[in-house]
Amino acid sequence: MHNYLDFEKPISDLEGKILELRKLAGEDESVDTGEEIARLETRARDAMAEIYSRLNPWQKTQVARHPARPHFQDYAKALFDEFTPLAGDRKFAEDAAIQAGFARFQGQPVALIGQEKGHDTKTRIHHNFGSARPEGYRKAIRLMELADRFGIPVVTLIDTAGAYPGVGAEERGQAEAIARSTETCLNIKVPLISVVIGEGGSGGAIAIATGNRVYMLEHAIYSVISPEGAASILWRDATRAKDAATSMKITAQDLQEFGIIDGIIDEPVGGAHRDPDSVMSHTSDVISGALSELSEQSGDELRSNRRKKFLKIGRQIG
């Protein structure tokens, strides 16, 4: 049974009826439900296609946060071979929100970094819901510097509501860790490819997403603050998150228009959680193409072009 979002009620009703008919057919073989099931399946597909063709920013936010949506570990398992995670920042502790290590992508060595949110209560608590502490960003810095030293491309998968704002994290230099991680992204002389697979929240995201190429999944979001946080600041009312999401221009389509991202990766109708294999295949193709394109640039060109890319964002040209 799917975990339906509130705007998916028409789909939920139709798919519920399909399940009832299948159960009835299993209990009584004399009952022929095949024709009715086929009719309802067509209606459900049509309803899903129609709903997902006109999602508003708040609905896309809900899809990006769907509990069944593929997370970092799903991509690491599906797209990369021999993933060997590294732990600890060699300063204070291990942070489970950011996963980092070396792997092979289509036979090519890469450094892989990303946020993991977890899939159930136990893993979500373990990974702190994808919100990293300073140790996570210092671990990312450690891995990027290693990759730079050995000439290995870096791939980052972003999925976080933001860096962890707890007292301990702030005492240990959260802002400084984020800033140094962003600086490291800008300084390395190897290809850096970033994909926002769910939420890209504020500095917690950009700390590992300052890449030569930045892509977003079709229903992912990328923002300087969560819609709920923006609504609390602007209107002192977190329930106006829908209004904030619309005003903030947080969707992949908006951000591509502004030139903040380089491309959108298609999701299956109904979101990545409905057909993970499809979205994995599309993501693999995009990463492969970007690696091939960037391999033609020298280290100095990669660093220079990456810096220019981010300096020109928001500027009027011509």
Protein backbone atom coordinates (compact mmCIF):
# COMPACT_ATOMS: atom_id res chain seq x y z
CA MET A 1 0.00 0.00 0.00
CA HIS A 2 1.36 3.39 -0.98
CA ASN A 3 1.74 6.28 1.42
CA TYR A 4 -0.57 8.74 -0.33
CA LEU A 5 -0.12 12.49 -0.15
CA ASP A 6 -3.18 14.64 0.55
CA PHE A 7 -3.56 15.78 -3.06
CA GLU A 8 -3.44 12.17 -4.28
CA LYS A 9 -6.89 11.25 -2.88
CA PRO A 10 -8.46 10.59 -6.33
CA ILE A 11 -5.61 8.15 -7.05
CA SER A 12 -5.94 6.60 -3.59
CA ASP A 13 -9.66 5.98 -4.08
CA LEU A 14 -9.19 4.31 -7.45
CA GLU A 15 -6.26 2.16 -6.37
CA GLY A 16 -8.18 1.19 -3.23
CA LYS A 17 -11.04 -0.10 -5.37
CA ILE A 18 -8.56 -2.04 -7.52
CA LEU A 19 -7.16 -3.75 -4.42
CA GLU A 20 -10.66 -4.64 -3.25
CA LEU A 21 -11.52 -6.19 -6.62
CA ARG A 22 -8.29 -8.19 -6.66
CA LYS A 23 -9.02 -9.46 -3.17
CA LEU A 24 -12.54 -10.42 -4.22
CA ALA A 25 -11.24 -12.27 -7.26
CA GLY A 26 -8.76 -14.15 -5.08
CA GLU A 27 -11.48 -15.23 -2.68
CA ASP A 28 -13.98 -16.25 -5.36
CA GLU A 29 -12.58 -17.47 -8.68
CA SER A 30 -16.04 -17.45 -10.25
CA VAL A 31 -16.11 -13.65 -10.08
CA ASP A 32 -14.60 -12.05 -13.18
CA THR A 33 -13.15 -8.66 -12.24
CA GLY A 34 -10.52 -8.38 -14.96
CA GLU A 35 -12.39 -5.93 -17.16
CA GLU A 36 -13.34 -3.64 -14.28
CA ILE A 37 -9.79 -3.71 -12.87
CA ALA A 38 -8.36 -2.77 -16.28
CA ARG A 39 -10.83 0.12 -16.53
CA LEU A 40 -9.95 1.39 -13.06
CA GLU A 41 -6.21 1.06 -13.72
CA THR A 42 -6.58 3.23 -16.82
CA ARG A 43 -8.52 5.82 -14.82
CA ALA A 44 -5.87 5.76 -12.05
CA ARG A 45 -3.03 6.26 -14.56
CA ASP A 46 -4.89 9.11 -16.22
CA ALA A 47 -5.66 10.74 -12.87
CA MET A 48 -2.02 10.47 -11.78
CA ALA A 49 -0.74 11.93 -15.04
CA GLU A 50 -3.22 14.81 -14.83
CA ILE A 51 -2.43 15.60 -11.17
CA TYR A 52 1.35 15.41 -11.60
CA SER A 53 1.28 17.59 -14.71
CA ARG A 54 0.13 20.58 -12.64
CA LEU A 55 1.77 20.24 -9.23
CA ASN A 56 2.20 23.53 -7.38
CA PRO A 57 5.42 24.27 -5.42
CA TRP A 58 3.96 23.11 -2.11
CA GLN A 59 2.83 19.82 -3.63
CA LYS A 60 6.32 19.35 -5.10
CA THR A 61 7.70 19.96 -1.61
CA GLN A 62 5.51 17.14 -0.33
CA VAL A 63 6.71 14.83 -3.10
CA ALA A 64 10.35 15.74 -2.38
CA ARG A 65 9.79 14.77 1.27
CA HIS A 66 7.83 11.57 0.56
CA PRO A 67 8.95 8.93 3.10
CA ALA A 68 9.31 6.27 0.38
CA ARG A 69 11.40 8.47 -1.91
CA PRO A 70 14.83 6.95 -2.75
CA HIS A 71 17.59 8.33 -0.54
CA PHE A 72 21.38 8.43 -0.72
CA GLN A 73 21.92 4.80 0.21
CA ASP A 74 19.49 3.68 -2.49
CA TYR A 75 21.44 5.60 -5.14
CA ALA A 76 24.78 4.39 -3.76
CA LYS A 77 23.62 0.78 -4.02
CA ALA A 78 22.00 1.11 -7.46
CA LEU A 79 24.49 3.34 -9.32
CA PHE A 80 27.87 2.72 -7.71
CA ASP A 81 30.05 -0.34 -7.19
CA GLU A 82 32.48 -1.04 -4.36
CA PHE A 83 31.28 1.89 -2.26
CA THR A 84 33.63 2.08 0.72
CA PRO A 85 32.41 4.62 3.30
CA LEU A 86 34.88 6.59 5.39
CA ALA A 87 33.99 7.64 8.93
CA GLY A 88 34.92 10.53 11.15
CA ASP A 89 36.38 13.99 10.68
CA ARG A 90 39.60 13.21 12.60
CA LYS A 91 38.74 16.07 14.94
CA PHE A 92 35.71 15.20 17.04
CA ALA A 93 33.35 12.43 15.91
CA GLU A 94 31.53 10.57 13.17
CA ASP A 95 28.40 12.17 11.70
CA ALA A 96 25.90 9.72 10.21
CA ALA A 97 23.85 12.34 8.36
CA ILE A 98 26.56 12.77 5.72
CA GLN A 99 27.76 9.57 4.08
CA ALA A 100 31.07 9.76 2.24
CA GLY A 101 33.50 7.37 0.65
CA PHE A 102 35.07 6.11 -2.54
CA ALA A 103 33.29 4.01 -5.15
CA ARG A 104 33.26 3.12 -8.81
CA PHE A 105 30.79 4.61 -11.26
CA GLN A 106 30.65 2.61 -14.49
CA GLY A 107 34.14 1.40 -13.68
CA GLN A 108 35.55 4.87 -12.99
CA PRO A 109 36.77 5.73 -9.46
CA VAL A 110 34.78 8.54 -7.84
CA ALA A 111 34.40 10.13 -4.44
CA LEU A 112 30.75 9.89 -3.35
CA ILE A 113 29.23 12.22 -0.74
CA GLY A 114 25.63 12.80 0.27
CA GLN A 115 23.05 13.20 3.00
CA GLU A 116 21.07 10.18 4.16
CA LYS A 117 17.69 10.78 5.84
CA GLY A 118 16.79 7.19 6.72
CA HIS A 119 13.67 5.17 5.91
CA ASP A 120 12.14 4.34 9.28
CA THR A 121 12.18 5.69 12.81
CA LYS A 122 15.37 3.90 13.82
CA THR A 123 17.41 4.90 10.77
CA ARG A 124 16.03 8.45 10.72
CA ILE A 125 17.18 8.99 14.28
CA HIS A 126 20.55 7.40 13.49
CA HIS A 127 21.07 9.69 10.49
CA ASN A 128 19.55 12.70 12.30
CA PHE A 129 16.97 13.04 9.51
CA GLY A 130 19.73 14.07 7.09
CA SER A 131 20.70 17.18 9.07
CA ALA A 132 24.47 17.16 9.46
CA ARG A 133 26.56 18.46 12.34
CA PRO A 134 29.96 20.15 11.79
CA GLU A 135 31.67 16.76 11.82
CA GLY A 136 29.74 15.76 8.71
CA TYR A 137 30.96 18.75 6.72
CA ARG A 138 34.53 18.27 7.96
CA LYS A 139 34.30 14.66 6.83
CA ALA A 140 33.14 15.88 3.41
CA ILE A 141 36.10 18.29 3.29
CA ARG A 142 38.45 15.45 4.16
CA LEU A 143 37.09 13.32 1.31
CA MET A 144 37.12 16.14 -1.26
CA GLU A 145 40.72 16.96 -0.43
CA LEU A 146 41.67 13.30 -0.83
CA ALA A 147 39.87 13.16 -4.18
CA ASP A 148 41.65 16.31 -5.30
CA ARG A 149 45.03 14.91 -4.29
CA PHE A 150 44.53 11.75 -6.34
CA GLY A 151 42.66 13.30 -9.28
CA ILE A 152 39.34 11.53 -8.60
CA PRO A 153 36.02 13.17 -9.62
CA VAL A 154 33.51 13.98 -6.88
CA VAL A 155 29.78 13.19 -7.05
CA THR A 156 27.46 14.60 -4.38
CA LEU A 157 23.82 13.70 -3.75
CA ILE A 158 21.91 16.34 -1.81
CA ASP A 159 18.89 15.58 0.37
CA THR A 160 18.62 17.64 3.53
CA ALA A 161 16.24 20.13 5.08
CA GLY A 162 19.33 21.97 6.31
CA ALA A 163 22.31 21.65 8.63
CA TYR A 164 21.54 20.72 12.24
CA PRO A 165 20.95 23.90 14.28
CA GLY A 166 21.50 22.41 17.75
CA VAL A 167 23.51 24.11 20.47
CA GLY A 168 26.32 21.55 20.34
CA ALA A 169 26.65 21.92 16.58
CA GLU A 170 26.86 25.69 16.89
CA GLU A 171 29.42 25.46 19.70
CA ARG A 172 31.61 23.25 17.50
CA GLY A 173 31.54 25.71 14.60
CA GLN A 174 28.65 24.76 12.33
CA ALA A 175 28.81 27.92 10.23
CA GLU A 176 32.59 27.70 9.89
CA ALA A 177 32.39 24.05 8.81
CA ILE A 178 29.77 24.86 6.17
CA ALA A 179 31.82 27.78 4.88
CA ARG A 180 35.01 25.71 4.65
CA SER A 181 33.17 22.89 2.90
CA THR A 182 31.81 25.36 0.34
CA GLU A 183 35.30 26.81 -0.06
CA THR A 184 36.71 23.33 -0.65
CA CYS A 185 34.10 22.72 -3.36
CA LEU A 186 35.29 25.88 -5.09
CA ASN A 187 38.99 25.07 -4.74
CA ILE A 188 39.34 21.47 -5.87
CA LYS A 189 40.70 20.80 -9.35
CA VAL A 190 38.63 17.72 -10.17
CA PRO A 191 35.12 17.49 -11.65
CA LEU A 192 32.38 18.05 -9.07
CA ILE A 193 28.86 16.95 -10.03
CA SER A 194 25.94 17.55 -7.68
CA VAL A 195 22.41 16.19 -7.85
CA VAL A 196 19.56 17.36 -5.59
CA ILE A 197 17.58 14.14 -5.15
CA GLY A 198 15.07 15.42 -2.59
CA GLU A 199 15.43 18.57 -0.51
CA GLY A 200 18.26 21.03 -0.93
CA GLY A 201 18.08 23.12 2.22
CA SER A 202 20.17 26.28 2.64
CA GLY A 203 23.87 26.17 3.54
CA GLY A 204 23.50 22.57 4.62
CA ALA A 205 22.98 21.71 0.97
CA ILE A 206 25.26 24.13 -0.83
CA ALA A 207 28.18 23.08 1.37
CA ILE A 208 28.50 19.99 -0.83
CA ALA A 209 26.62 21.26 -3.91
CA THR A 210 28.90 23.99 -5.24
CA GLY A 211 29.62 21.93 -8.32
CA ASN A 212 30.69 22.30 -11.93
CA ARG A 213 27.30 20.82 -12.79
CA VAL A 214 24.26 20.97 -10.52
CA TYR A 215 21.16 18.97 -11.40
CA MET A 216 17.80 18.47 -9.72
CA LEU A 217 15.25 15.74 -9.92
CA GLU A 218 11.99 16.92 -11.46
CA HIS A 219 10.13 17.11 -8.14
CA ALA A 220 13.05 18.06 -5.89
CA ILE A 221 13.25 21.46 -4.18
CA TYR A 222 16.19 23.78 -3.44
CA SER A 223 15.83 26.78 -1.15
CA VAL A 224 17.60 29.11 1.25
CA ILE A 225 15.12 28.18 4.00
CA SER A 226 12.23 25.75 4.35
CA PRO A 227 8.77 27.01 3.34
CA GLU A 228 7.65 26.59 6.96
CA GLY A 229 10.61 28.64 8.19
CA ALA A 230 10.01 31.38 5.64
CA ALA A 231 6.31 31.54 6.56
CA SER A 232 7.20 31.85 10.24
CA ILE A 233 9.51 34.78 9.51
CA LEU A 234 7.39 36.58 6.92
CA TRP A 235 3.91 36.11 8.38
CA ARG A 236 4.61 34.63 11.83
CA ASP A 237 2.44 31.73 10.72
CA ALA A 238 4.02 28.41 9.69
CA THR A 239 0.68 27.25 8.28
CA ARG A 240 1.25 29.60 5.35
CA ALA A 241 4.05 27.38 4.09
CA LYS A 242 2.15 26.85 0.84
CA ASP A 243 2.23 30.60 0.15
CA ALA A 244 5.92 30.75 1.02
CA ALA A 245 6.76 27.83 -1.27
CA THR A 246 5.07 29.60 -4.17
CA SER A 247 6.80 32.93 -3.51
CA MET A 248 10.27 31.46 -2.96
CA LYS A 249 10.61 29.82 -6.41
CA ILE A 250 12.05 26.58 -5.04
CA THR A 251 11.20 24.12 -7.81
CA ALA A 252 13.62 22.66 -10.31
CA GLN A 253 11.76 24.39 -13.12
CA ASP A 254 12.12 27.83 -11.49
CA LEU A 255 15.77 27.31 -10.64
CA GLN A 256 16.67 26.17 -14.13
CA GLU A 257 15.02 29.30 -15.52
CA PHE A 258 17.14 31.43 -13.17
CA GLY A 259 20.32 29.62 -14.24
CA ILE A 260 21.01 28.27 -10.75
CA ILE A 261 20.95 24.63 -11.87
CA ASP A 262 22.18 23.08 -15.10
CA GLY A 263 19.44 20.57 -15.79
CA ILE A 264 16.40 18.64 -14.62
CA ILE A 265 16.32 14.85 -14.30
CA ASP A 266 12.95 13.36 -15.25
CA GLU A 267 10.99 11.43 -12.65
CA PRO A 268 8.34 8.80 -13.39
CA VAL A 269 4.73 9.94 -13.20
CA GLY A 270 3.83 9.87 -9.52
CA GLY A 271 7.33 10.69 -8.28
CA ALA A 272 10.62 8.83 -7.87
CA HIS A 273 9.19 6.56 -5.16
CA ARG A 274 6.77 4.96 -7.63
CA ASP A 275 9.49 3.73 -9.98
CA PRO A 276 12.96 4.01 -8.40
CA ASP A 277 14.61 2.01 -11.19
CA SER A 278 13.53 4.58 -13.77
CA VAL A 279 14.85 7.57 -11.86
CA MET A 280 18.10 5.73 -11.08
CA SER A 281 18.60 5.11 -14.80
CA HIS A 282 17.97 8.75 -15.69
CA THR A 283 20.31 9.96 -12.94
CA SER A 284 23.03 7.56 -14.07
CA ASP A 285 22.80 8.88 -17.63
CA VAL A 286 23.10 12.50 -16.48
CA ILE A 287 26.09 11.84 -14.21
CA SER A 288 27.79 9.83 -16.97
CA GLY A 289 27.32 12.62 -19.51
CA ALA A 290 28.60 15.28 -17.11
CA LEU A 291 31.70 13.25 -16.21
CA SER A 292 32.47 12.72 -19.88
CA GLU A 293 32.06 16.41 -20.66
CA LEU A 294 34.09 17.65 -17.70
CA SER A 295 36.92 15.18 -18.28
CA GLU A 296 38.00 17.33 -21.22
CA GLN A 297 38.83 20.28 -18.94
CA SER A 298 42.09 20.76 -17.06
CA GLY A 299 42.17 21.12 -13.29
CA ASP A 300 42.67 24.88 -13.51
CA GLU A 301 39.79 25.18 -15.98
CA LEU A 302 37.49 23.14 -13.76
CA ARG A 303 38.20 25.36 -10.74
CA SER A 304 38.00 28.61 -12.70
CA ASN A 305 34.77 27.69 -14.49
CA ARG A 306 33.17 26.53 -11.24
CA ARG A 307 33.96 29.82 -9.55
CA LYS A 308 32.69 31.86 -12.50
CA LYS A 309 29.49 29.81 -12.58
CA PHE A 310 28.57 30.77 -9.05
CA LEU A 311 29.79 34.37 -9.20
CA LYS A 312 27.49 35.15 -12.12
CA ILE A 313 24.33 33.83 -10.44
CA GLY A 314 21.91 36.70 -9.91
CA ARG A 315 23.91 39.19 -11.94
CA GLN A 316 22.51 41.11 -14.89
CA ILE A 317 24.49 40.25 -18.01
CA GLY A 318 24.54 42.67 -20.95
